[in-house]
Amino acid sequence: MISHHGIQVQKRRTKYLFFIVVFASICMVLRLFQLQVLENKTYADAAKKQHWSENEIQPKRGNIYVKDIGGSLYPLATNIKLYKVYVDLVNSKNQDKTADDLSRVLSVNKNEILEKFKNSKTKRYIPIKRKITEEESEKIKILEDKAIGLEPEHWRVYPEKELASQVLGYVDGDSNGAGGIEQYFNEELKGTPGLYKAESDSLGKKILTGRDISVDAKDGEDVVLTINRDIQAQAEMALKKAVETHHAKKGTVIVVDSKTGAILAMANSPTYDPNNYNDIKDYSLFKNSAISDVYEPGSIFKVLTMAAGLDAKKIEPDTKYEDTGSVTLGGFTIRNSDLKAHGLVTITQVLEQSLNTGTTHVQRLLGKDLFYDYLVKFGLGIVTGIEAPDGTEGAGKVYKPSEVNEHTYATMSFGQSISTTPLQMITVFQAVANGGKLVKPHLVETRMKDGQQTETYGQTEGSQVISPEAATKLTGMMVSVVQKGHGQQAGVRGYKVAGKTGTAQVPKEGGGGYDPNKNIGSFIGFAPADNPRFVVLVKIDEPKGVNWAESTAAPVVGEILQNLLNYYQIPPTEKQ
């Protein structure tokens, strides 16, 4: 018989047990609420991942091509198929052996591989090495280790190495274009990634009878440049030789089709190999100086001043001018570069002998406002809009009439107190060669997808900046510069060449006038002068021991024009 005390103890135990059961039930309900309501999405996603395998599929980046005279395409930027090696430790029977095998085949330290195994946050996908060749991948397959996987990757390569590299740019480690065409057309070139997504088992392997909702990657478009492979190569060689011969800081060449504005060659020296962009320490080598460098162009600018004067009918080629050797405006004196007075000369002789006082005279006949209008017509002070990444093309500086005095505007007439880019200056000469029509320069001919054109570039119609009559008269004056003046070393036997030299002063660093020991020599010419096909610019920065562009830039223009006329088999226009 249970005593009264025993009954009381049993009742207390039952009561305690009841409260424990109730408390445990409440805790269980709260936990279920947390799992099923508050954390439902987290666990649902985790469950999905247990039943689905997914991975992004990288598209193949589009190629960048140039052509030769026959229209054959040559890739300047393309892709090579390499592999990434990874390890899935879930499938590894012997991690030490897996590391040993990989070390032997890939020439990677075994301990480094084991450290990756140890430190990895996941066992499913541990990357070991990238850029594995086809030959190395075959050796890995022979190992027959189920833990070792190979994933194909497309890597950017530049078969022609330095050729047109500053026009092209390169592709960085994140597979994005950096600089040049690679950056400008990055979205079109890179394509659209795909997605591999399929039902999988607990080991992550695809179930053959399961659902597969993968989406294919869309490869990028190809880009065809206007650049001619052979002309580009010859221009680069000629420029490099000139820069080295004169121990110059750098140089630039541009070759443009006078009718269409298509860039046939665009080169800078020194340059770089985009295959090894990571090795470059001097980042200025990535810059395309042909479109980005802003400088005072010097006497090549006199062509624009003469164009304005002829078009406005303020002068004729045979208009007489009395050169006293100097002009004083606003307390400042302008002198000829040879410091001489040449007496009574024609406007053609002003251009032949590159007389600063003569172009000052033409500018004063025009007046500040009309002269400024012509500067705007020729597109100075704004970017051309050529295919280049935002912020990389220079605009130059053109002062409005209200901003500066008469003396400054006079110096602008011969290429001082005004800044331009090499590309802007060659477009001025292109307009003269094209009967007064200024055509927008362009580097891209077309974009293609699967061999079919998706978009074409360039234009044949331009703005009439000066009359055809003015352009014809100015061309004759420029022919005289090459035949009788400072441009004789740009001449090509059997052809009329029109052109103009320019030896520009270089401002001192920090301001305060010009550096007497530095200059920039330029020459721009076109041929055949009677029916121009090509316009060529050569710019040599800070040559050593040479003071005039007629000795640095002009001979290179002559060499390139000779090559162009031979390459396109253009018959001679003059008796030899």
Protein backbone atom coordinates (compact mmCIF):
# COMPACT_ATOMS: atom_id res chain seq x y z
CA MET A 1 0.00 0.00 0.00
CA ILE A 2 1.43 3.40 -1.13
CA SER A 3 1.74 5.86 1.67
CA HIS A 4 0.27 9.34 1.57
CA HIS A 5 3.76 10.76 1.18
CA GLY A 6 4.48 8.49 -1.80
CA ILE A 7 1.27 9.59 -3.51
CA GLN A 8 2.29 13.24 -3.13
CA VAL A 9 5.76 12.57 -4.62
CA GLN A 10 4.23 10.73 -7.56
CA LYS A 11 1.82 13.61 -8.21
CA ARG A 12 4.70 16.09 -8.17
CA ARG A 13 6.69 13.96 -10.62
CA THR A 14 3.70 13.68 -12.94
CA LYS A 15 3.20 17.41 -12.76
CA TYR A 16 6.89 18.10 -13.54
CA LEU A 17 6.81 15.63 -16.43
CA PHE A 18 3.69 17.33 -17.83
CA PHE A 19 5.38 20.73 -17.76
CA ILE A 20 8.51 19.29 -19.43
CA VAL A 21 6.42 17.71 -22.20
CA VAL A 22 4.49 20.95 -22.71
CA PHE A 23 7.69 23.01 -22.78
CA ALA A 24 9.35 20.62 -25.22
CA SER A 25 6.26 20.71 -27.46
CA ILE A 26 6.27 24.51 -27.47
CA CYS A 27 9.97 24.53 -28.36
CA MET A 28 9.35 22.03 -31.16
CA VAL A 29 6.49 24.10 -32.57
CA LEU A 30 8.62 27.27 -32.45
CA ARG A 31 11.52 25.46 -34.16
CA LEU A 32 9.22 24.13 -36.88
CA PHE A 33 7.84 27.63 -37.39
CA GLN A 34 11.37 28.96 -37.73
CA LEU A 35 12.37 26.26 -40.23
CA GLN A 36 9.18 26.15 -42.27
CA VAL A 37 8.25 29.85 -42.27
CA LEU A 38 11.11 32.13 -41.28
CA GLU A 39 13.92 30.12 -42.95
CA ASN A 40 11.87 28.43 -45.62
CA LYS A 41 13.65 30.10 -48.58
CA THR A 42 17.13 29.26 -47.29
CA TYR A 43 16.39 25.57 -46.94
CA ALA A 44 14.36 25.44 -50.13
CA ASP A 45 17.35 26.84 -52.02
CA ALA A 46 19.63 24.33 -50.34
CA ALA A 47 17.30 21.49 -51.33
CA LYS A 48 17.26 22.73 -54.91
CA LYS A 49 21.04 22.73 -55.03
CA GLN A 50 21.05 19.12 -53.91
CA HIS A 51 18.98 18.20 -56.94
CA TRP A 52 20.32 20.63 -59.55
CA SER A 53 23.81 21.29 -60.93
CA GLU A 54 24.43 24.62 -62.57
CA ASN A 55 27.38 26.48 -64.04
CA GLU A 56 27.83 29.55 -66.24
CA ILE A 57 28.91 28.83 -69.82
CA GLN A 58 31.33 31.40 -71.14
CA PRO A 59 30.80 32.59 -74.75
CA LYS A 60 33.58 32.81 -77.28
CA ARG A 61 34.81 36.38 -77.75
CA GLY A 62 34.56 37.75 -81.28
CA ASN A 63 37.64 38.20 -83.46
CA ILE A 64 39.07 41.50 -84.65
CA TYR A 65 40.22 41.39 -88.27
CA VAL A 66 42.18 43.47 -90.76
CA LYS A 67 42.34 42.96 -94.52
CA ASP A 68 44.93 42.98 -97.27
CA ILE A 69 44.56 44.49 -100.74
CA GLY A 70 42.75 41.35 -101.96
CA GLY A 71 40.18 41.46 -99.16
CA SER A 72 41.50 38.44 -97.25
CA LEU A 73 40.86 38.61 -93.50
CA TYR A 74 43.64 38.32 -90.92
CA PRO A 75 42.86 38.08 -87.20
CA LEU A 76 44.69 40.62 -85.06
CA ALA A 77 42.77 39.44 -81.99
CA THR A 78 41.37 35.92 -81.65
CA ASN A 79 41.00 33.11 -79.09
CA ILE A 80 42.82 29.93 -78.21
CA LYS A 81 41.23 26.99 -76.42
CA LEU A 82 43.02 26.09 -73.19
CA TYR A 83 41.87 24.28 -70.06
CA LYS A 84 41.42 24.83 -66.36
CA VAL A 85 42.26 21.92 -64.05
CA TYR A 86 40.23 21.41 -60.90
CA VAL A 87 39.81 18.70 -58.27
CA ASP A 88 36.61 17.24 -56.79
CA LEU A 89 37.71 15.72 -53.46
CA VAL A 90 34.39 13.89 -53.06
CA ASN A 91 35.53 11.61 -55.87
CA SER A 92 39.11 11.28 -54.67
CA LYS A 93 40.07 7.87 -53.27
CA ASN A 94 43.56 9.02 -52.37
CA GLN A 95 44.19 12.76 -52.03
CA ASP A 96 47.95 12.30 -51.72
CA LYS A 97 48.07 10.33 -54.98
CA THR A 98 45.87 12.90 -56.74
CA ALA A 99 48.22 15.70 -55.65
CA ASP A 100 51.25 13.66 -56.67
CA ASP A 101 49.85 12.94 -60.16
CA LEU A 102 48.96 16.59 -60.76
CA SER A 103 52.35 17.78 -59.52
CA ARG A 104 54.13 15.50 -61.97
CA VAL A 105 52.01 16.42 -65.02
CA LEU A 106 51.59 20.15 -64.38
CA SER A 107 55.02 20.88 -62.83
CA VAL A 108 53.32 22.32 -59.76
CA ASN A 109 54.70 21.75 -56.25
CA LYS A 110 52.84 18.88 -54.57
CA ASN A 111 52.69 20.63 -51.20
CA GLU A 112 51.05 23.66 -52.84
CA ILE A 113 48.32 21.40 -54.20
CA LEU A 114 47.78 19.74 -50.81
CA GLU A 115 47.56 23.21 -49.21
CA LYS A 116 44.79 24.09 -51.68
CA PHE A 117 42.95 20.92 -50.66
CA LYS A 118 43.32 21.80 -47.00
CA ASN A 119 42.36 25.46 -47.23
CA SER A 120 39.51 25.15 -49.69
CA LYS A 121 36.06 26.08 -48.39
CA THR A 122 34.50 23.42 -50.58
CA LYS A 123 35.48 19.91 -51.58
CA ARG A 124 33.54 19.94 -54.81
CA TYR A 125 35.53 22.31 -57.02
CA ILE A 126 39.12 23.27 -56.21
CA PRO A 127 40.95 25.07 -59.07
CA ILE A 128 44.56 23.99 -59.49
CA LYS A 129 45.93 25.60 -62.66
CA ARG A 130 44.71 27.54 -65.71
CA LYS A 131 45.92 27.84 -69.31
CA ILE A 132 46.57 24.14 -69.67
CA THR A 133 47.48 23.16 -73.22
CA GLU A 134 45.83 20.40 -75.24
CA GLU A 135 48.97 18.29 -74.80
CA GLU A 136 48.90 18.68 -71.02
CA SER A 137 45.17 17.93 -70.93
CA GLU A 138 45.77 14.60 -72.71
CA LYS A 139 48.34 13.63 -70.06
CA ILE A 140 45.78 14.42 -67.35
CA LYS A 141 43.15 12.25 -69.05
CA ILE A 142 45.58 9.31 -69.08
CA LEU A 143 45.73 9.48 -65.27
CA GLU A 144 42.10 8.26 -65.16
CA ASP A 145 41.61 9.94 -61.78
CA LYS A 146 37.88 10.66 -61.36
CA ALA A 147 38.70 13.46 -58.93
CA ILE A 148 40.51 15.50 -61.58
CA GLY A 149 38.40 17.58 -63.95
CA LEU A 150 39.14 19.70 -67.03
CA GLU A 151 37.14 22.74 -68.03
CA PRO A 152 37.73 24.37 -71.44
CA GLU A 153 38.38 28.12 -71.51
CA HIS A 154 38.90 30.61 -74.33
CA TRP A 155 41.88 32.92 -73.88
CA ARG A 156 42.58 36.06 -75.91
CA VAL A 157 45.66 35.99 -78.14
CA TYR A 158 47.15 38.47 -80.61
CA PRO A 159 48.82 36.54 -83.46
CA GLU A 160 50.49 39.61 -84.99
CA LYS A 161 51.86 40.70 -81.61
CA GLU A 162 52.63 44.46 -81.70
CA LEU A 163 50.81 45.17 -84.96
CA ALA A 164 48.25 47.94 -84.37
CA SER A 165 48.27 47.08 -80.65
CA GLN A 166 47.38 50.58 -79.44
CA VAL A 167 44.40 50.60 -81.80
CA LEU A 168 43.31 47.17 -80.53
CA GLY A 169 43.79 47.44 -76.76
CA TYR A 170 43.76 44.13 -74.85
CA VAL A 171 41.53 41.89 -72.74
CA ASP A 172 42.18 41.93 -68.99
CA GLY A 173 42.01 39.14 -66.42
CA ASP A 174 38.26 39.65 -65.98
CA SER A 175 37.69 39.06 -69.71
CA ASN A 176 36.85 42.71 -70.38
CA GLY A 177 38.36 44.89 -73.07
CA ALA A 178 40.85 47.50 -71.89
CA GLY A 179 41.61 50.31 -74.33
CA GLY A 180 41.05 50.60 -78.05
CA ILE A 181 38.62 48.50 -80.07
CA GLU A 182 38.55 45.79 -77.39
CA GLN A 183 37.04 48.25 -74.93
CA TYR A 184 34.92 50.28 -77.36
CA PHE A 185 33.12 47.17 -78.64
CA ASN A 186 33.45 45.14 -75.44
CA GLU A 187 29.76 44.21 -75.13
CA GLU A 188 29.47 43.23 -78.80
CA LEU A 189 32.71 41.25 -78.75
CA LYS A 190 32.21 39.37 -75.48
CA GLY A 191 28.80 37.90 -76.31
CA THR A 192 26.24 36.60 -73.81
CA PRO A 193 27.03 33.87 -71.22
CA GLY A 194 24.94 30.70 -71.19
CA LEU A 195 23.85 28.52 -68.28
CA TYR A 196 24.31 24.82 -67.68
CA LYS A 197 21.52 23.69 -65.37
CA ALA A 198 20.36 20.07 -65.01
CA GLU A 199 19.00 17.67 -62.39
CA SER A 200 21.79 15.86 -60.59
CA ASP A 201 22.31 13.13 -58.02
CA SER A 202 23.77 13.51 -54.54
CA LEU A 203 27.28 13.57 -55.99
CA GLY A 204 26.44 16.39 -58.34
CA LYS A 205 26.41 14.25 -61.49
CA LYS A 206 23.81 14.88 -64.16
CA ILE A 207 20.89 12.44 -64.17
CA LEU A 208 20.53 11.22 -67.75
CA THR A 209 16.73 11.00 -67.51
CA GLY A 210 16.41 14.19 -65.45
CA ARG A 211 15.36 17.64 -66.58
CA ASP A 212 17.86 19.88 -68.37
CA ILE A 213 17.03 23.59 -68.71
CA SER A 214 20.47 24.72 -69.91
CA VAL A 215 20.77 27.83 -72.11
CA ASP A 216 23.49 28.01 -74.76
CA ALA A 217 26.02 30.85 -74.71
CA LYS A 218 25.86 33.36 -77.55
CA ASP A 219 29.30 34.02 -78.99
CA GLY A 220 30.42 37.60 -79.59
CA GLU A 221 30.39 39.44 -82.90
CA ASP A 222 33.49 39.88 -85.06
CA VAL A 223 34.84 43.34 -85.93
CA VAL A 224 36.58 44.12 -89.23
CA LEU A 225 38.84 47.17 -89.19
CA THR A 226 39.54 49.54 -92.08
CA ILE A 227 43.26 49.03 -91.44
CA ASN A 228 45.21 47.30 -94.20
CA ARG A 229 47.56 44.70 -92.73
CA ASP A 230 50.42 45.34 -95.18
CA ILE A 231 50.22 49.14 -95.01
CA GLN A 232 50.10 49.02 -91.21
CA ALA A 233 53.18 46.79 -91.04
CA GLN A 234 55.19 48.99 -93.42
CA ALA A 235 54.16 52.18 -91.62
CA GLU A 236 55.18 50.73 -88.25
CA MET A 237 58.60 49.71 -89.58
CA ALA A 238 59.25 53.11 -91.17
CA LEU A 239 58.18 54.94 -88.01
CA LYS A 240 60.24 52.77 -85.68
CA LYS A 241 63.33 53.30 -87.83
CA ALA A 242 62.85 57.09 -87.80
CA VAL A 243 62.32 57.24 -84.03
CA GLU A 244 65.44 55.16 -83.42
CA THR A 245 67.55 57.04 -85.99
CA HIS A 246 66.77 60.42 -84.45
CA HIS A 247 66.73 59.13 -80.85
CA ALA A 248 63.27 60.64 -80.55
CA LYS A 249 60.96 60.36 -77.58
CA LYS A 250 58.17 58.88 -79.70
CA GLY A 251 56.39 59.10 -83.04
CA THR A 252 53.04 58.69 -84.78
CA VAL A 253 51.84 57.71 -88.27
CA ILE A 254 48.32 57.92 -89.71
CA VAL A 255 47.32 56.89 -93.22
CA VAL A 256 43.78 57.76 -94.36
CA ASP A 257 41.77 57.21 -97.54
CA SER A 258 41.16 60.76 -98.75
CA LYS A 259 37.69 60.01 -100.15
CA THR A 260 36.13 57.94 -97.36
CA GLY A 261 38.01 58.84 -94.20
CA ALA A 262 38.88 55.15 -93.65
CA ILE A 263 42.04 54.74 -91.58
CA LEU A 264 44.42 52.45 -93.50
CA ALA A 265 47.16 52.59 -90.87
CA MET A 266 47.53 54.07 -87.40
CA ALA A 267 50.77 53.50 -85.54
CA ASN A 268 52.78 54.81 -82.62
CA SER A 269 56.33 54.14 -81.52
CA PRO A 270 57.25 52.85 -79.01
CA THR A 271 54.48 50.29 -78.67
CA TYR A 272 53.81 47.00 -76.85
CA ASP A 273 52.73 43.37 -77.31
CA PRO A 274 49.17 42.91 -75.94
CA ASN A 275 49.90 39.20 -75.34
CA ASN A 276 52.17 40.37 -72.52
CA TYR A 277 50.30 43.43 -71.28
CA ASN A 278 50.91 42.41 -67.66
CA ASP A 279 54.64 42.91 -68.15
CA ILE A 280 54.30 46.58 -69.13
CA LYS A 281 55.56 49.02 -66.50
CA ASP A 282 55.19 52.21 -68.53
CA TYR A 283 51.41 52.62 -68.80
CA SER A 284 51.76 55.38 -71.40
CA LEU A 285 52.48 52.62 -73.92
CA PHE A 286 48.81 51.61 -73.76
CA LYS A 287 47.76 55.06 -75.04
CA ASN A 288 46.95 55.58 -78.70
CA SER A 289 48.85 58.84 -79.15
CA ALA A 290 47.46 59.31 -82.68
CA ILE A 291 44.08 60.23 -81.22
CA SER A 292 44.87 61.24 -77.65
CA ASP A 293 47.98 63.45 -77.80
CA VAL A 294 47.11 67.15 -77.68
CA TYR A 295 49.90 69.44 -78.92
CA GLU A 296 50.60 72.74 -80.64
CA PRO A 297 50.91 71.59 -84.28
CA GLY A 298 53.19 74.31 -85.58
CA SER A 299 53.47 75.23 -89.25
CA ILE A 300 51.37 72.39 -90.69
CA PHE A 301 48.50 74.52 -89.35
CA LYS A 302 49.28 77.16 -91.98
CA VAL A 303 47.39 74.99 -94.50
CA LEU A 304 44.15 75.65 -92.60
CA THR A 305 44.84 79.40 -92.50
CA MET A 306 45.45 79.43 -96.25
CA ALA A 307 42.30 77.33 -96.82
CA ALA A 308 40.24 79.92 -94.96
CA GLY A 309 41.84 82.83 -96.81
CA LEU A 310 41.30 81.25 -100.25
CA ASP A 311 37.73 80.18 -99.50
CA ALA A 312 36.81 83.63 -98.17
CA LYS A 313 38.45 85.17 -101.27
CA LYS A 314 40.78 87.28 -99.17
CA ILE A 315 43.83 85.94 -101.05
CA GLU A 316 44.88 84.13 -104.24
CA PRO A 317 47.97 81.93 -104.66
CA ASP A 318 49.75 84.75 -106.50
CA THR A 319 48.67 87.57 -104.16
CA LYS A 320 51.71 89.69 -103.29
CA TYR A 321 52.78 90.39 -99.71
CA GLU A 322 55.66 92.54 -98.43
CA ASP A 323 57.53 90.57 -95.78
CA THR A 324 59.47 92.83 -93.42
CA GLY A 325 60.53 89.89 -91.24
CA SER A 326 58.45 90.86 -88.20
CA VAL A 327 54.99 92.00 -87.07
CA THR A 328 54.27 93.65 -83.70
CA LEU A 329 50.80 93.25 -82.20
CA GLY A 330 49.74 94.23 -78.69
CA GLY A 331 53.34 94.82 -77.67
CA PHE A 332 54.51 91.39 -78.83
CA THR A 333 56.61 90.77 -81.93
CA ILE A 334 56.10 87.86 -84.34
CA ARG A 335 59.11 86.84 -86.46
CA ASN A 336 59.82 84.28 -89.15
CA SER A 337 61.52 81.10 -88.00
CA ASP A 338 64.67 81.99 -90.00
CA LEU A 339 64.62 85.53 -88.50
CA LYS A 340 64.85 87.04 -92.01
CA ALA A 341 62.86 89.53 -94.06
CA HIS A 342 62.00 88.12 -97.51
CA GLY A 343 60.67 91.26 -99.18
CA LEU A 344 57.92 91.04 -101.80
CA VAL A 345 56.64 87.44 -101.94
CA THR A 346 53.52 85.65 -103.18
CA ILE A 347 51.16 83.79 -100.87
CA THR A 348 52.41 80.56 -102.45
CA GLN A 349 55.96 81.50 -101.45
CA VAL A 350 54.69 82.24 -97.93
CA LEU A 351 53.63 78.59 -97.73
CA GLU A 352 56.77 77.30 -99.49
CA GLN A 353 59.08 79.12 -97.07
CA SER A 354 56.70 78.77 -94.09
CA LEU A 355 56.70 82.47 -93.20
CA ASN A 356 54.97 83.23 -89.90
CA THR A 357 54.51 86.88 -90.85
CA GLY A 358 52.70 85.82 -94.03
CA THR A 359 50.11 83.66 -92.30
CA THR A 360 49.68 86.41 -89.71
CA HIS A 361 48.85 88.72 -92.62
CA VAL A 362 46.22 86.24 -93.94
CA GLN A 363 44.65 85.84 -90.51
CA ARG A 364 44.37 89.61 -90.07
CA LEU A 365 42.68 89.89 -93.47
CA LEU A 366 40.11 87.36 -92.25
CA GLY A 367 39.62 88.88 -88.81
CA LYS A 368 39.24 86.97 -85.57
CA ASP A 369 35.55 86.07 -85.97
CA LEU A 370 35.75 84.71 -89.51
CA PHE A 371 38.97 82.84 -88.78
CA TYR A 372 37.31 81.23 -85.75
CA ASP A 373 34.35 80.17 -87.91
CA TYR A 374 36.72 78.21 -90.16
CA LEU A 375 38.38 76.56 -87.16
CA VAL A 376 34.96 75.33 -86.09
CA LYS A 377 34.08 74.18 -89.62
CA PHE A 378 37.19 72.01 -89.71
CA GLY A 379 36.16 70.35 -86.43
CA LEU A 380 38.87 71.72 -84.16
CA GLY A 381 38.23 71.92 -80.44
CA ILE A 382 35.95 68.85 -80.42
CA VAL A 383 36.55 65.12 -80.75
CA THR A 384 36.11 63.50 -84.16
CA GLY A 385 34.04 60.66 -82.69
CA ILE A 386 36.31 57.93 -84.06
CA GLU A 387 35.79 54.46 -82.57
CA ALA A 388 37.66 54.89 -79.28
CA PRO A 389 36.68 54.46 -75.61
CA ASP A 390 35.09 57.45 -73.92
CA GLY A 391 37.61 59.93 -72.61
CA THR A 392 40.55 58.64 -74.68
CA GLU A 393 40.26 60.96 -77.69
CA GLY A 394 41.69 64.43 -77.25
CA ALA A 395 39.68 67.51 -78.23
CA GLY A 396 42.36 70.19 -78.22
CA LYS A 397 41.85 73.82 -77.30
CA VAL A 398 40.59 76.61 -79.58
CA TYR A 399 40.20 80.07 -78.08
CA LYS A 400 37.12 82.06 -78.98
CA PRO A 401 37.69 85.61 -80.29
CA SER A 402 36.44 87.08 -77.02
CA GLU A 403 38.88 85.06 -74.92
CA VAL A 404 42.24 86.27 -76.24
CA ASN A 405 43.89 89.28 -77.87
CA GLU A 406 44.89 89.96 -81.47
CA HIS A 407 48.45 88.74 -80.96
CA THR A 408 47.29 85.33 -79.72
CA TYR A 409 44.98 84.90 -82.71
CA ALA A 410 47.86 85.81 -85.02
CA THR A 411 50.06 83.10 -83.48
CA MET A 412 47.20 80.63 -83.89
CA SER A 413 47.50 81.16 -87.65
CA PHE A 414 50.84 79.33 -87.65
CA GLY A 415 49.98 76.66 -85.10
CA GLN A 416 50.85 78.21 -81.75
CA SER A 417 48.44 79.12 -78.92
CA ILE A 418 46.12 76.42 -80.30
CA SER A 419 46.19 72.68 -79.62
CA THR A 420 45.02 69.79 -81.73
CA THR A 421 45.53 66.04 -82.07
CA PRO A 422 47.31 64.27 -84.95
CA LEU A 423 43.94 62.85 -86.03
CA GLN A 424 42.34 66.31 -86.17
CA MET A 425 45.21 67.66 -88.27
CA ILE A 426 45.06 64.86 -90.83
CA THR A 427 41.30 65.44 -91.22
CA VAL A 428 42.05 69.06 -92.20
CA PHE A 429 44.39 67.86 -94.96
CA GLN A 430 41.92 65.13 -95.94
CA ALA A 431 39.30 67.80 -96.59
CA VAL A 432 41.68 69.70 -98.89
CA ALA A 433 42.54 66.45 -100.74
CA ASN A 434 38.82 65.64 -101.01
CA GLY A 435 37.78 68.81 -102.83
CA GLY A 436 36.88 70.66 -99.64
CA LYS A 437 34.72 67.92 -98.10
CA LEU A 438 35.49 66.95 -94.51
CA VAL A 439 34.64 63.29 -93.89
CA LYS A 440 34.56 61.76 -90.42
CA PRO A 441 37.53 59.41 -89.91
CA HIS A 442 36.73 55.82 -88.94
CA LEU A 443 38.62 52.68 -87.93
CA VAL A 444 35.86 50.09 -88.34
CA GLU A 445 34.48 48.78 -91.61
CA THR A 446 31.86 46.36 -90.33
CA ARG A 447 30.69 44.04 -87.57
CA MET A 448 29.86 40.43 -88.39
CA LYS A 449 27.99 37.53 -86.80
CA ASP A 450 28.49 34.03 -88.23
CA GLY A 451 30.05 35.57 -91.33
CA GLN A 452 27.11 37.90 -91.97
CA GLN A 453 27.35 41.68 -91.63
CA THR A 454 25.36 43.13 -88.75
CA GLU A 455 26.42 46.78 -89.11
CA THR A 456 28.63 48.82 -91.43
CA TYR A 457 30.53 51.99 -90.61
CA GLY A 458 31.88 55.07 -92.37
CA GLN A 459 30.33 57.59 -94.70
CA THR A 460 31.05 58.99 -98.13
CA GLU A 461 29.15 62.27 -97.74
CA GLY A 462 30.97 64.94 -95.80
CA SER A 463 30.47 68.60 -94.97
CA GLN A 464 31.75 71.13 -97.53
CA VAL A 465 34.12 73.20 -95.38
CA ILE A 466 35.77 75.05 -98.28
CA SER A 467 34.88 75.30 -101.95
CA PRO A 468 36.31 72.85 -104.51
CA GLU A 469 38.00 75.81 -106.19
CA ALA A 470 39.76 76.83 -102.97
CA ALA A 471 40.84 73.22 -102.38
CA THR A 472 42.30 72.98 -105.91
CA LYS A 473 44.24 76.23 -105.53
CA LEU A 474 45.57 75.20 -102.12
CA THR A 475 46.62 71.79 -103.46
CA GLY A 476 48.71 73.54 -106.12
CA MET A 477 50.36 75.67 -103.45
CA MET A 478 51.14 72.54 -101.40
CA VAL A 479 52.64 70.82 -104.45
CA SER A 480 54.94 73.82 -104.73
CA VAL A 481 55.97 73.29 -101.08
CA VAL A 482 57.17 69.76 -101.96
CA GLN A 483 58.78 70.76 -105.25
CA LYS A 484 60.44 74.03 -104.21
CA GLY A 485 60.02 74.52 -100.47
CA HIS A 486 60.78 72.72 -97.21
CA GLY A 487 58.92 69.53 -98.14
CA GLN A 488 61.21 68.26 -100.88
CA GLN A 489 62.23 65.12 -98.98
CA ALA A 490 58.60 63.97 -99.08
CA GLY A 491 58.60 63.88 -102.86
CA VAL A 492 58.03 60.66 -104.81
CA ARG A 493 59.55 60.35 -108.26
CA GLY A 494 56.93 60.20 -111.00
CA TYR A 495 54.11 61.68 -108.88
CA LYS A 496 52.94 65.06 -107.68
CA VAL A 497 52.87 65.16 -103.89
CA ALA A 498 51.14 67.94 -101.95
CA GLY A 499 52.17 68.60 -98.37
CA LYS A 500 53.40 70.86 -95.59
CA THR A 501 56.09 70.67 -92.93
CA GLY A 502 55.63 71.76 -89.34
CA THR A 503 58.27 72.16 -86.65
CA ALA A 504 56.38 72.89 -83.45
CA GLN A 505 57.81 74.27 -80.25
CA VAL A 506 57.25 72.36 -77.01
CA PRO A 507 56.00 74.33 -73.98
CA LYS A 508 58.17 74.15 -70.87
CA GLU A 509 56.90 71.91 -68.09
CA GLY A 510 55.02 74.10 -65.65
CA GLY A 511 54.61 76.91 -68.20
CA GLY A 512 56.76 79.94 -68.86
CA GLY A 513 57.39 79.82 -72.59
CA TYR A 514 58.87 77.14 -74.85
CA ASP A 515 61.75 74.74 -74.33
CA PRO A 516 64.55 75.75 -76.76
CA ASN A 517 65.95 72.21 -76.78
CA LYS A 518 62.78 70.40 -77.81
CA ASN A 519 60.61 70.33 -80.91
CA ILE A 520 57.96 68.21 -82.61
CA GLY A 521 58.47 67.64 -86.33
CA SER A 522 55.39 66.92 -88.45
CA PHE A 523 54.65 66.46 -92.11
CA ILE A 524 51.31 65.77 -93.77
CA GLY A 525 51.12 65.00 -97.45
CA PHE A 526 48.81 63.44 -100.03
CA ALA A 527 49.20 61.86 -103.47
CA PRO A 528 48.69 61.76 -106.37
CA ALA A 529 48.03 65.48 -105.98
CA ASP A 530 45.78 65.74 -109.07
CA ASN A 531 43.53 62.91 -107.87
CA PRO A 532 44.43 62.21 -104.22
CA ARG A 533 44.04 58.70 -102.87
CA PHE A 534 45.97 58.76 -99.61
CA VAL A 535 46.80 61.28 -96.92
CA VAL A 536 49.77 60.50 -94.65
CA LEU A 537 50.75 62.14 -91.35
CA VAL A 538 54.09 61.57 -89.63
CA LYS A 539 54.89 63.18 -86.29
CA ILE A 540 58.29 62.80 -84.57
CA ASP A 541 58.46 64.02 -80.96
CA GLU A 542 61.64 65.52 -79.54
CA PRO A 543 64.27 64.22 -81.99
CA LYS A 544 67.87 64.72 -80.92
CA GLY A 545 70.23 66.87 -82.96
CA VAL A 546 67.64 67.80 -85.62
CA ASN A 547 65.78 71.11 -85.66
CA TRP A 548 63.44 70.85 -88.65
CA ALA A 549 60.63 68.51 -89.71
CA GLU A 550 61.94 68.46 -93.29
CA SER A 551 64.72 66.17 -92.01
CA THR A 552 62.69 63.99 -89.62
CA ALA A 553 59.05 63.61 -90.64
CA ALA A 554 59.09 64.50 -94.37
CA PRO A 555 61.31 61.59 -95.53
CA VAL A 556 59.07 59.09 -93.71
CA VAL A 557 55.97 60.47 -95.45
CA GLY A 558 57.78 60.11 -98.80
CA GLU A 559 58.69 56.50 -98.00
CA ILE A 560 55.14 55.58 -96.98
CA LEU A 561 53.59 57.31 -100.02
CA GLN A 562 56.02 55.49 -102.32
CA ASN A 563 54.97 52.19 -100.77
CA LEU A 564 51.26 53.05 -101.11
CA LEU A 565 51.54 54.03 -104.78
CA ASN A 566 53.44 50.83 -105.57
CA TYR A 567 51.13 48.64 -103.48
CA TYR A 568 47.99 49.89 -105.24
CA GLN A 569 49.79 49.95 -108.62
CA ILE A 570 48.85 53.56 -109.32
CA PRO A 571 50.47 54.66 -112.60
CA PRO A 572 52.94 57.58 -112.48
CA THR A 573 51.40 60.98 -113.22
CA GLU A 574 54.61 62.82 -114.15
CA LYS A 575 57.51 62.23 -116.52
CA GLN A 576 60.41 60.58 -114.75
